[in-house]
Amino acid sequence: MRAQTHPVPRHPVPLARTPTSVSDTDEEEVAPFIDRPCYVFNPRLRLTMNDRRCEHCAHYLTPRCPSVEEFLDNVEELSPE
């Protein structure tokens, strides 16, 4: 008897979101580069990477990204002086 196989979907499957812990911090501080309204999944990546993180966006760190200056400011804050 053969095991039943299921077809692989050809469209992105929405991933379940993990709840963030409740704290005094603002949600934007906890995850500032996740789930932005401008997010467009980069089709060159595996579908399993479609988690709405900016680094998986097709426009990440390009001139088409509306948040590119914010990303660069964040890198400057993290750089040692």
PDB file of N, CA and C in Angstrom:
ATOM      1  N   MET A   1       0.840  -1.175   0.000  1.00  0.00           N
ATOM      2  CA  MET A   1       0.000   0.000   0.000  1.00  0.00           C
ATOM      3  C   MET A   1       0.894   1.250   0.000  1.00  0.00           C
ATOM      4  N   ARG A   2       0.630   2.171  -0.884  1.00  0.00           N
ATOM      5  CA  ARG A   2       1.424   3.405  -1.003  1.00  0.00           C
ATOM      6  C   ARG A   2       0.887   4.470  -0.059  1.00  0.00           C
ATOM      7  N   ALA A   3       1.806   5.254   0.483  1.00  0.00           N
ATOM      8  CA  ALA A   3       1.406   6.379   1.333  1.00  0.00           C
ATOM      9  C   ALA A   3       0.822   7.474   0.457  1.00  0.00           C
ATOM     10  N   GLN A   4      -0.199   8.117   0.958  1.00  0.00           N
ATOM     11  CA  GLN A   4      -0.842   9.196   0.208  1.00  0.00           C
ATOM     12  C   GLN A   4       0.051  10.429   0.244  1.00  0.00           C
ATOM     13  N   THR A   5       0.290  11.037  -0.907  1.00  0.00           N
ATOM     14  CA  THR A   5       1.105  12.246  -0.971  1.00  0.00           C
ATOM     15  C   THR A   5       0.199  13.450  -1.151  1.00  0.00           C
ATOM     16  N   HIS A   6       0.658  14.576  -0.655  1.00  0.00           N
ATOM     17  CA  HIS A   6      -0.101  15.821  -0.760  1.00  0.00           C
ATOM     18  C   HIS A   6       0.660  16.779  -1.661  1.00  0.00           C
ATOM     19  N   PRO A   7      -0.039  17.470  -2.545  1.00  0.00           N
ATOM     20  CA  PRO A   7       0.653  18.408  -3.434  1.00  0.00           C
ATOM     21  C   PRO A   7       1.250  19.573  -2.639  1.00  0.00           C
ATOM     22  N   VAL A   8       2.378  20.062  -3.109  1.00  0.00           N
ATOM     23  CA  VAL A   8       3.040  21.211  -2.492  1.00  0.00           C
ATOM     24  C   VAL A   8       2.391  22.476  -3.023  1.00  0.00           C
ATOM     25  N   PRO A   9       1.934  23.396  -2.145  1.00  0.00           N
ATOM     26  CA  PRO A   9       1.310  24.623  -2.640  1.00  0.00           C
ATOM     27  C   PRO A   9       2.320  25.497  -3.374  1.00  0.00           C
ATOM     28  N   ARG A  10       1.868  26.172  -4.398  1.00  0.00           N
ATOM     29  CA  ARG A  10       2.744  27.042  -5.179  1.00  0.00           C
ATOM     30  C   ARG A  10       2.639  28.500  -4.766  1.00  0.00           C
ATOM     31  N   HIS A  11       1.871  28.782  -3.769  1.00  0.00           N
ATOM     32  CA  HIS A  11       1.721  30.147  -3.283  1.00  0.00           C
ATOM     33  C   HIS A  11       2.237  30.219  -1.846  1.00  0.00           C
ATOM     34  N   PRO A  12       2.638  31.409  -1.385  1.00  0.00           N
ATOM     35  CA  PRO A  12       3.130  31.523  -0.019  1.00  0.00           C
ATOM     36  C   PRO A  12       2.049  31.150   0.990  1.00  0.00           C
ATOM     37  N   VAL A  13       2.429  30.371   1.935  1.00  0.00           N
ATOM     38  CA  VAL A  13       1.517  29.982   2.998  1.00  0.00           C
ATOM     39  C   VAL A  13       1.746  30.907   4.171  1.00  0.00           C
ATOM     40  N   PRO A  14       0.700  31.553   4.692  1.00  0.00           N
ATOM     41  CA  PRO A  14       0.910  32.441   5.837  1.00  0.00           C
ATOM     42  C   PRO A  14       1.428  31.651   7.026  1.00  0.00           C
ATOM     43  N   LEU A  15       2.448  32.187   7.650  1.00  0.00           N
ATOM     44  CA  LEU A  15       3.041  31.532   8.807  1.00  0.00           C
ATOM     45  C   LEU A  15       2.372  32.011  10.080  1.00  0.00           C
ATOM     46  N   ALA A  16       2.283  31.119  11.046  1.00  0.00           N
ATOM     47  CA  ALA A  16       1.731  31.497  12.345  1.00  0.00           C
ATOM     48  C   ALA A  16       2.704  32.445  13.027  1.00  0.00           C
ATOM     49  N   ARG A  17       2.177  33.441  13.644  1.00  0.00           N
ATOM     50  CA  ARG A  17       3.029  34.406  14.341  1.00  0.00           C
ATOM     51  C   ARG A  17       3.147  33.996  15.789  1.00  0.00           C
ATOM     52  N   THR A  18       4.352  34.118  16.295  1.00  0.00           N
ATOM     53  CA  THR A  18       4.559  33.791  17.695  1.00  0.00           C
ATOM     54  C   THR A  18       4.218  35.009  18.526  1.00  0.00           C
ATOM     55  N   PRO A  19       3.494  34.831  19.603  1.00  0.00           N
ATOM     56  CA  PRO A  19       3.142  35.986  20.432  1.00  0.00           C
ATOM     57  C   PRO A  19       4.371  36.558  21.123  1.00  0.00           C
ATOM     58  N   THR A  20       4.427  37.873  21.192  1.00  0.00           N
ATOM     59  CA  THR A  20       5.527  38.520  21.903  1.00  0.00           C
ATOM     60  C   THR A  20       5.164  38.620  23.367  1.00  0.00           C
ATOM     61  N   SER A  21       6.174  38.587  24.186  1.00  0.00           N
ATOM     62  CA  SER A  21       5.912  38.663  25.615  1.00  0.00           C
ATOM     63  C   SER A  21       5.425  40.057  25.981  1.00  0.00           C
ATOM     64  N   VAL A  22       4.565  40.118  26.972  1.00  0.00           N
ATOM     65  CA  VAL A  22       4.017  41.389  27.423  1.00  0.00           C
ATOM     66  C   VAL A  22       5.062  42.067  28.307  1.00  0.00           C
ATOM     67  N   SER A  23       5.378  43.301  27.970  1.00  0.00           N
ATOM     68  CA  SER A  23       6.354  44.044  28.760  1.00  0.00           C
ATOM     69  C   SER A  23       6.041  45.529  28.654  1.00  0.00           C
ATOM     70  N   ASP A  24       6.884  46.326  29.300  1.00  0.00           N
ATOM     71  CA  ASP A  24       6.698  47.777  29.279  1.00  0.00           C
ATOM     72  C   ASP A  24       7.227  48.413  28.004  1.00  0.00           C
ATOM     73  N   THR A  25       7.888  47.636  27.145  1.00  0.00           N
ATOM     74  CA  THR A  25       8.475  48.205  25.936  1.00  0.00           C
ATOM     75  C   THR A  25       7.439  48.297  24.836  1.00  0.00           C
ATOM     76  N   ASP A  26       7.636  49.244  23.968  1.00  0.00           N
ATOM     77  CA  ASP A  26       6.773  49.441  22.814  1.00  0.00           C
ATOM     78  C   ASP A  26       7.015  48.319  21.808  1.00  0.00           C
ATOM     79  N   GLU A  27       5.976  47.873  21.106  1.00  0.00           N
ATOM     80  CA  GLU A  27       6.120  46.791  20.133  1.00  0.00           C
ATOM     81  C   GLU A  27       7.114  47.166  19.046  1.00  0.00           C
ATOM     82  N   GLU A  28       7.178  48.420  18.677  1.00  0.00           N
ATOM     83  CA  GLU A  28       8.116  48.873  17.652  1.00  0.00           C
ATOM     84  C   GLU A  28       9.556  48.698  18.120  1.00  0.00           C
ATOM     85  N   GLU A  29       9.810  48.792  19.426  1.00  0.00           N
ATOM     86  CA  GLU A  29      11.146  48.552  19.957  1.00  0.00           C
ATOM     87  C   GLU A  29      11.477  47.065  19.946  1.00  0.00           C
ATOM     88  N   VAL A  30      10.497  46.221  20.201  1.00  0.00           N
ATOM     89  CA  VAL A  30      10.715  44.787  20.255  1.00  0.00           C
ATOM     90  C   VAL A  30      11.030  44.249  18.863  1.00  0.00           C
ATOM     91  N   ALA A  31      10.274  44.631  17.868  1.00  0.00           N
ATOM     92  CA  ALA A  31      10.459  44.135  16.514  1.00  0.00           C
ATOM     93  C   ALA A  31      10.291  45.264  15.504  1.00  0.00           C
ATOM     94  N   PRO A  32      11.266  46.164  15.423  1.00  0.00           N
ATOM     95  CA  PRO A  32      11.083  47.325  14.548  1.00  0.00           C
ATOM     96  C   PRO A  32      11.148  47.011  13.052  1.00  0.00           C
ATOM     97  N   PHE A  33      11.721  45.879  12.681  1.00  0.00           N
ATOM     98  CA  PHE A  33      11.894  45.577  11.267  1.00  0.00           C
ATOM     99  C   PHE A  33      11.117  44.326  10.852  1.00  0.00           C
ATOM    100  N   ILE A  34       9.917  44.194  11.408  1.00  0.00           N
ATOM    101  CA  ILE A  34       9.043  43.071  11.073  1.00  0.00           C
ATOM    102  C   ILE A  34       7.642  43.606  10.790  1.00  0.00           C
ATOM    103  N   ASP A  35       7.012  43.040   9.773  1.00  0.00           N
ATOM    104  CA  ASP A  35       5.601  43.303   9.455  1.00  0.00           C
ATOM    105  C   ASP A  35       5.312  44.759   9.093  1.00  0.00           C
ATOM    106  N   ARG A  36       6.170  45.335   8.286  1.00  0.00           N
ATOM    107  CA  ARG A  36       5.941  46.696   7.795  1.00  0.00           C
ATOM    108  C   ARG A  36       4.946  46.663   6.646  1.00  0.00           C
ATOM    109  N   PRO A  37       4.148  47.712   6.468  1.00  0.00           N
ATOM    110  CA  PRO A  37       3.138  47.720   5.396  1.00  0.00           C
ATOM    111  C   PRO A  37       3.751  47.685   3.989  1.00  0.00           C
ATOM    112  N   CYS A  38       5.004  48.070   3.847  1.00  0.00           N
ATOM    113  CA  CYS A  38       5.648  48.110   2.534  1.00  0.00           C
ATOM    114  C   CYS A  38       6.277  46.770   2.149  1.00  0.00           C
ATOM    115  N   TYR A  39       6.177  45.755   3.004  1.00  0.00           N
ATOM    116  CA  TYR A  39       6.829  44.459   2.782  1.00  0.00           C
ATOM    117  C   TYR A  39       6.354  43.783   1.500  1.00  0.00           C
ATOM    118  N   VAL A  40       7.318  43.360   0.686  1.00  0.00           N
ATOM    119  CA  VAL A  40       7.065  42.560  -0.518  1.00  0.00           C
ATOM    120  C   VAL A  40       8.071  41.413  -0.469  1.00  0.00           C
ATOM    121  N   PHE A  41       7.580  40.189  -0.380  1.00  0.00           N
ATOM    122  CA  PHE A  41       8.480  39.046  -0.261  1.00  0.00           C
ATOM    123  C   PHE A  41       9.405  38.944  -1.468  1.00  0.00           C
ATOM    124  N   ASN A  42      10.680  38.654  -1.211  1.00  0.00           N
ATOM    125  CA  ASN A  42      11.682  38.499  -2.256  1.00  0.00           C
ATOM    126  C   ASN A  42      11.500  37.121  -2.901  1.00  0.00           C
ATOM    127  N   PRO A  43      11.073  37.056  -4.152  1.00  0.00           N
ATOM    128  CA  PRO A  43      10.799  35.769  -4.787  1.00  0.00           C
ATOM    129  C   PRO A  43      12.036  34.913  -5.013  1.00  0.00           C
ATOM    130  N   ARG A  44      13.226  35.462  -4.834  1.00  0.00           N
ATOM    131  CA  ARG A  44      14.451  34.675  -4.989  1.00  0.00           C
ATOM    132  C   ARG A  44      14.742  33.807  -3.770  1.00  0.00           C
ATOM    133  N   LEU A  45      14.011  34.023  -2.689  1.00  0.00           N
ATOM    134  CA  LEU A  45      14.204  33.248  -1.463  1.00  0.00           C
ATOM    135  C   LEU A  45      13.230  32.076  -1.414  1.00  0.00           C
ATOM    136  N   ARG A  46      13.541  31.117  -0.532  1.00  0.00           N
ATOM    137  CA  ARG A  46      12.625  29.986  -0.322  1.00  0.00           C
ATOM    138  C   ARG A  46      11.344  30.504   0.318  1.00  0.00           C
ATOM    139  N   LEU A  47      10.220  29.901  -0.018  1.00  0.00           N
ATOM    140  CA  LEU A  47       8.928  30.326   0.525  1.00  0.00           C
ATOM    141  C   LEU A  47       8.881  30.230   2.044  1.00  0.00           C
ATOM    142  N   THR A  48       9.644  29.333   2.620  1.00  0.00           N
ATOM    143  CA  THR A  48       9.650  29.196   4.078  1.00  0.00           C
ATOM    144  C   THR A  48      10.259  30.415   4.763  1.00  0.00           C
ATOM    145  N   MET A  49      10.927  31.263   4.012  1.00  0.00           N
ATOM    146  CA  MET A  49      11.533  32.472   4.576  1.00  0.00           C
ATOM    147  C   MET A  49      10.565  33.658   4.568  1.00  0.00           C
ATOM    148  N   ASN A  50       9.353  33.459   4.108  1.00  0.00           N
ATOM    149  CA  ASN A  50       8.369  34.538   4.047  1.00  0.00           C
ATOM    150  C   ASN A  50       7.774  34.768   5.438  1.00  0.00           C
ATOM    151  N   ASP A  51       8.540  35.438   6.295  1.00  0.00           N
ATOM    152  CA  ASP A  51       8.126  35.681   7.682  1.00  0.00           C
ATOM    153  C   ASP A  51       7.875  37.160   7.954  1.00  0.00           C
ATOM    154  N   ARG A  52       7.805  37.964   6.901  1.00  0.00           N
ATOM    155  CA  ARG A  52       7.525  39.400   6.970  1.00  0.00           C
ATOM    156  C   ARG A  52       8.638  40.190   7.655  1.00  0.00           C
ATOM    157  N   ARG A  53       9.827  39.637   7.726  1.00  0.00           N
ATOM    158  CA  ARG A  53      10.990  40.375   8.242  1.00  0.00           C
ATOM    159  C   ARG A  53      11.575  41.201   7.099  1.00  0.00           C
ATOM    160  N   CYS A  54      11.983  42.393   7.428  1.00  0.00           N
ATOM    161  CA  CYS A  54      12.480  43.305   6.393  1.00  0.00           C
ATOM    162  C   CYS A  54      13.648  42.714   5.599  1.00  0.00           C
ATOM    163  N   GLU A  55      14.519  41.945   6.242  1.00  0.00           N
ATOM    164  CA  GLU A  55      15.655  41.398   5.506  1.00  0.00           C
ATOM    165  C   GLU A  55      15.236  40.391   4.432  1.00  0.00           C
ATOM    166  N   HIS A  56      13.971  39.957   4.429  1.00  0.00           N
ATOM    167  CA  HIS A  56      13.465  39.063   3.400  1.00  0.00           C
ATOM    168  C   HIS A  56      12.588  39.793   2.383  1.00  0.00           C
ATOM    169  N   CYS A  57      12.569  41.105   2.455  1.00  0.00           N
ATOM    170  CA  CYS A  57      11.789  41.926   1.539  1.00  0.00           C
ATOM    171  C   CYS A  57      12.563  42.123   0.233  1.00  0.00           C
ATOM    172  N   ALA A  58      11.846  42.173  -0.854  1.00  0.00           N
ATOM    173  CA  ALA A  58      12.465  42.379  -2.162  1.00  0.00           C
ATOM    174  C   ALA A  58      13.128  43.754  -2.276  1.00  0.00           C
ATOM    175  N   HIS A  59      12.710  44.708  -1.457  1.00  0.00           N
ATOM    176  CA  HIS A  59      13.236  46.075  -1.550  1.00  0.00           C
ATOM    177  C   HIS A  59      14.230  46.413  -0.433  1.00  0.00           C
ATOM    178  N   TYR A  60      14.588  45.441   0.392  1.00  0.00           N
ATOM    179  CA  TYR A  60      15.477  45.684   1.542  1.00  0.00           C
ATOM    180  C   TYR A  60      16.820  46.258   1.084  1.00  0.00           C
ATOM    181  N   LEU A  61      17.190  47.391   1.679  1.00  0.00           N
ATOM    182  CA  LEU A  61      18.450  48.102   1.411  1.00  0.00           C
ATOM    183  C   LEU A  61      18.628  48.478  -0.059  1.00  0.00           C
ATOM    184  N   THR A  62      17.537  48.790  -0.716  1.00  0.00           N
ATOM    185  CA  THR A  62      17.588  49.278  -2.094  1.00  0.00           C
ATOM    186  C   THR A  62      16.977  50.680  -2.125  1.00  0.00           C
ATOM    187  N   PRO A  63      17.169  51.413  -3.196  1.00  0.00           N
ATOM    188  CA  PRO A  63      16.544  52.740  -3.299  1.00  0.00           C
ATOM    189  C   PRO A  63      15.007  52.686  -3.266  1.00  0.00           C
ATOM    190  N   ARG A  64      14.412  51.532  -3.558  1.00  0.00           N
ATOM    191  CA  ARG A  64      12.955  51.405  -3.533  1.00  0.00           C
ATOM    192  C   ARG A  64      12.414  51.210  -2.119  1.00  0.00           C
ATOM    193  N   CYS A  65      13.283  51.015  -1.143  1.00  0.00           N
ATOM    194  CA  CYS A  65      12.862  50.782   0.238  1.00  0.00           C
ATOM    195  C   CYS A  65      12.566  52.118   0.927  1.00  0.00           C
ATOM    196  N   PRO A  66      11.341  52.314   1.434  1.00  0.00           N
ATOM    197  CA  PRO A  66      11.025  53.569   2.111  1.00  0.00           C
ATOM    198  C   PRO A  66      11.689  53.711   3.476  1.00  0.00           C
ATOM    199  N   SER A  67      12.249  52.623   4.014  1.00  0.00           N
ATOM    200  CA  SER A  67      12.857  52.656   5.351  1.00  0.00           C
ATOM    201  C   SER A  67      14.371  52.527   5.326  1.00  0.00           C
ATOM    202  N   VAL A  68      14.985  52.664   4.177  1.00  0.00           N
ATOM    203  CA  VAL A  68      16.421  52.422   4.062  1.00  0.00           C
ATOM    204  C   VAL A  68      17.234  53.324   4.989  1.00  0.00           C
ATOM    205  N   GLU A  69      16.848  54.577   5.157  1.00  0.00           N
ATOM    206  CA  GLU A  69      17.583  55.473   6.055  1.00  0.00           C
ATOM    207  C   GLU A  69      17.481  55.009   7.502  1.00  0.00           C
ATOM    208  N   GLU A  70      16.324  54.499   7.881  1.00  0.00           N
ATOM    209  CA  GLU A  70      16.148  53.979   9.240  1.00  0.00           C
ATOM    210  C   GLU A  70      17.051  52.766   9.474  1.00  0.00           C
ATOM    211  N   PHE A  71      17.176  51.889   8.474  1.00  0.00           N
ATOM    212  CA  PHE A  71      18.058  50.733   8.601  1.00  0.00           C
ATOM    213  C   PHE A  71      19.505  51.181   8.770  1.00  0.00           C
ATOM    214  N   LEU A  72      19.908  52.148   7.964  1.00  0.00           N
ATOM    215  CA  LEU A  72      21.286  52.636   8.041  1.00  0.00           C
ATOM    216  C   LEU A  72      21.553  53.329   9.371  1.00  0.00           C
ATOM    217  N   ASP A  73      20.576  54.071   9.890  1.00  0.00           N
ATOM    218  CA  ASP A  73      20.731  54.692  11.208  1.00  0.00           C
ATOM    219  C   ASP A  73      20.892  53.637  12.288  1.00  0.00           C
ATOM    220  N   ASN A  74      20.157  52.543  12.175  1.00  0.00           N
ATOM    221  CA  ASN A  74      20.248  51.465  13.150  1.00  0.00           C
ATOM    222  C   ASN A  74      21.638  50.829  13.128  1.00  0.00           C
ATOM    223  N   VAL A  75      22.222  50.661  11.950  1.00  0.00           N
ATOM    224  CA  VAL A  75      23.562  50.096  11.826  1.00  0.00           C
ATOM    225  C   VAL A  75      24.580  51.035  12.467  1.00  0.00           C
ATOM    226  N   GLU A  76      24.430  52.338  12.262  1.00  0.00           N
ATOM    227  CA  GLU A  76      25.351  53.313  12.852  1.00  0.00           C
ATOM    228  C   GLU A  76      25.276  53.280  14.380  1.00  0.00           C
ATOM    229  N   GLU A  77      24.070  53.067  14.947  1.00  0.00           N
ATOM    230  CA  GLU A  77      23.912  52.989  16.395  1.00  0.00           C
ATOM    231  C   GLU A  77      24.608  51.763  16.952  1.00  0.00           C
ATOM    232  N   LEU A  78      24.641  50.678  16.182  1.00  0.00           N
ATOM    233  CA  LEU A  78      25.245  49.434  16.648  1.00  0.00           C
ATOM    234  C   LEU A  78      26.737  49.376  16.441  1.00  0.00           C
ATOM    235  N   SER A  79      27.279  50.259  15.608  1.00  0.00           N
ATOM    236  CA  SER A  79      28.711  50.247  15.296  1.00  0.00           C
ATOM    237  C   SER A  79      29.520  50.756  16.483  1.00  0.00           C
ATOM    238  N   PRO A  80      30.673  50.103  16.748  1.00  0.00           N
ATOM    239  CA  PRO A  80      31.538  50.599  17.832  1.00  0.00           C
ATOM    240  C   PRO A  80      32.160  51.941  17.445  1.00  0.00           C
ATOM    241  N   GLU A  81      32.382  52.763  18.418  1.00  0.00           N
ATOM    242  CA  GLU A  81      32.936  54.104  18.128  1.00  0.00           C
ATOM    243  C   GLU A  81      34.427  54.092  18.101  1.00  0.00           C
TER     244      GLU A  81
END
